[in-house]
Amino acid sequence: MEALAGRYDSVVDAHGRALLEEKDSTRFVAGDIFEPKSMIEDDTVREHLD
């Protein structure tokens, strides 16, 4: 979570996980959209990109 310093919201994280982690077709990754490179380099994201 270091990459999210100052922009991390635990409520949003918990809600996203609750909605998306139950399904086989979706994944949840906490990240910072203002740092797209860190999102693309995430193992879970890379594994599930088309």
C-alpha atoms as a PDB file:
ATOM      1  CA  MET A   1       0.000   0.000   0.000  1.00  0.00           C
ATOM      2  CA  GLU A   2       3.017   2.300  -0.003  1.00  0.00           C
ATOM      3  CA  ALA A   3       2.244   3.357  -3.584  1.00  0.00           C
ATOM      4  CA  LEU A   4      -1.155   4.597  -2.415  1.00  0.00           C
ATOM      5  CA  ALA A   5       0.223   6.943   0.251  1.00  0.00           C
ATOM      6  CA  GLY A   6      -2.374   9.582   1.038  1.00  0.00           C
ATOM      7  CA  ARG A   7      -4.954   8.292  -1.433  1.00  0.00           C
ATOM      8  CA  TYR A   8      -5.828   4.919   0.111  1.00  0.00           C
ATOM      9  CA  ASP A   9      -9.412   4.517   1.318  1.00  0.00           C
ATOM     10  CA  SER A  10     -10.009   1.366   3.344  1.00  0.00           C
ATOM     11  CA  VAL A  11     -13.799   1.588   2.914  1.00  0.00           C
ATOM     12  CA  VAL A  12     -13.497   1.656  -0.884  1.00  0.00           C
ATOM     13  CA  ASP A  13     -11.008  -1.214  -0.699  1.00  0.00           C
ATOM     14  CA  ALA A  14     -13.317  -3.354   1.456  1.00  0.00           C
ATOM     15  CA  HIS A  15     -16.357  -2.606  -0.720  1.00  0.00           C
ATOM     16  CA  GLY A  16     -14.482  -3.389  -3.941  1.00  0.00           C
ATOM     17  CA  ARG A  17     -13.207  -6.666  -2.551  1.00  0.00           C
ATOM     18  CA  ALA A  18     -16.687  -7.638  -1.325  1.00  0.00           C
ATOM     19  CA  LEU A  19     -18.187  -6.998  -4.762  1.00  0.00           C
ATOM     20  CA  LEU A  20     -15.491  -8.431  -6.993  1.00  0.00           C
ATOM     21  CA  GLU A  21     -13.543 -11.180  -5.252  1.00  0.00           C
ATOM     22  CA  GLU A  22     -16.491 -13.555  -4.959  1.00  0.00           C
ATOM     23  CA  LYS A  23     -16.743 -14.042  -8.708  1.00  0.00           C
ATOM     24  CA  ASP A  24     -14.463 -16.221 -10.808  1.00  0.00           C
ATOM     25  CA  SER A  25     -14.503 -13.726 -13.665  1.00  0.00           C
ATOM     26  CA  THR A  26     -13.362 -10.631 -11.719  1.00  0.00           C
ATOM     27  CA  ARG A  27     -10.422  -9.604  -9.569  1.00  0.00           C
ATOM     28  CA  PHE A  28      -9.800  -6.661  -7.260  1.00  0.00           C
ATOM     29  CA  VAL A  29      -6.496  -4.852  -7.067  1.00  0.00           C
ATOM     30  CA  ALA A  30      -5.962  -1.810  -4.860  1.00  0.00           C
ATOM     31  CA  GLY A  31      -3.990   0.718  -6.825  1.00  0.00           C
ATOM     32  CA  ASP A  32      -3.551   4.319  -7.808  1.00  0.00           C
ATOM     33  CA  ILE A  33      -5.004   5.296 -11.183  1.00  0.00           C
ATOM     34  CA  PHE A  34      -2.614   8.240 -11.192  1.00  0.00           C
ATOM     35  CA  GLU A  35       0.249   5.748 -11.351  1.00  0.00           C
ATOM     36  CA  PRO A  36      -0.870   3.526 -14.254  1.00  0.00           C
ATOM     37  CA  LYS A  37       2.525   1.855 -14.618  1.00  0.00           C
ATOM     38  CA  SER A  38       2.215   0.380 -11.123  1.00  0.00           C
ATOM     39  CA  MET A  39      -1.229  -0.972 -12.026  1.00  0.00           C
ATOM     40  CA  ILE A  40      -0.061  -2.572 -15.279  1.00  0.00           C
ATOM     41  CA  GLU A  41       2.935  -4.120 -13.516  1.00  0.00           C
ATOM     42  CA  ASP A  42       0.741  -5.761 -10.852  1.00  0.00           C
ATOM     43  CA  ASP A  43       0.888  -9.566 -11.173  1.00  0.00           C
ATOM     44  CA  THR A  44      -2.889  -9.995 -10.838  1.00  0.00           C
ATOM     45  CA  VAL A  45      -3.582  -7.369 -13.490  1.00  0.00           C
ATOM     46  CA  ARG A  46      -1.035  -8.811 -15.901  1.00  0.00           C
ATOM     47  CA  GLU A  47      -2.379 -12.320 -15.399  1.00  0.00           C
ATOM     48  CA  HIS A  48      -5.932 -11.303 -16.315  1.00  0.00           C
ATOM     49  CA  LEU A  49      -5.467  -8.755 -19.098  1.00  0.00           C
ATOM     50  CA  ASP A  50      -6.680  -9.794 -22.522  1.00  0.00           C
END
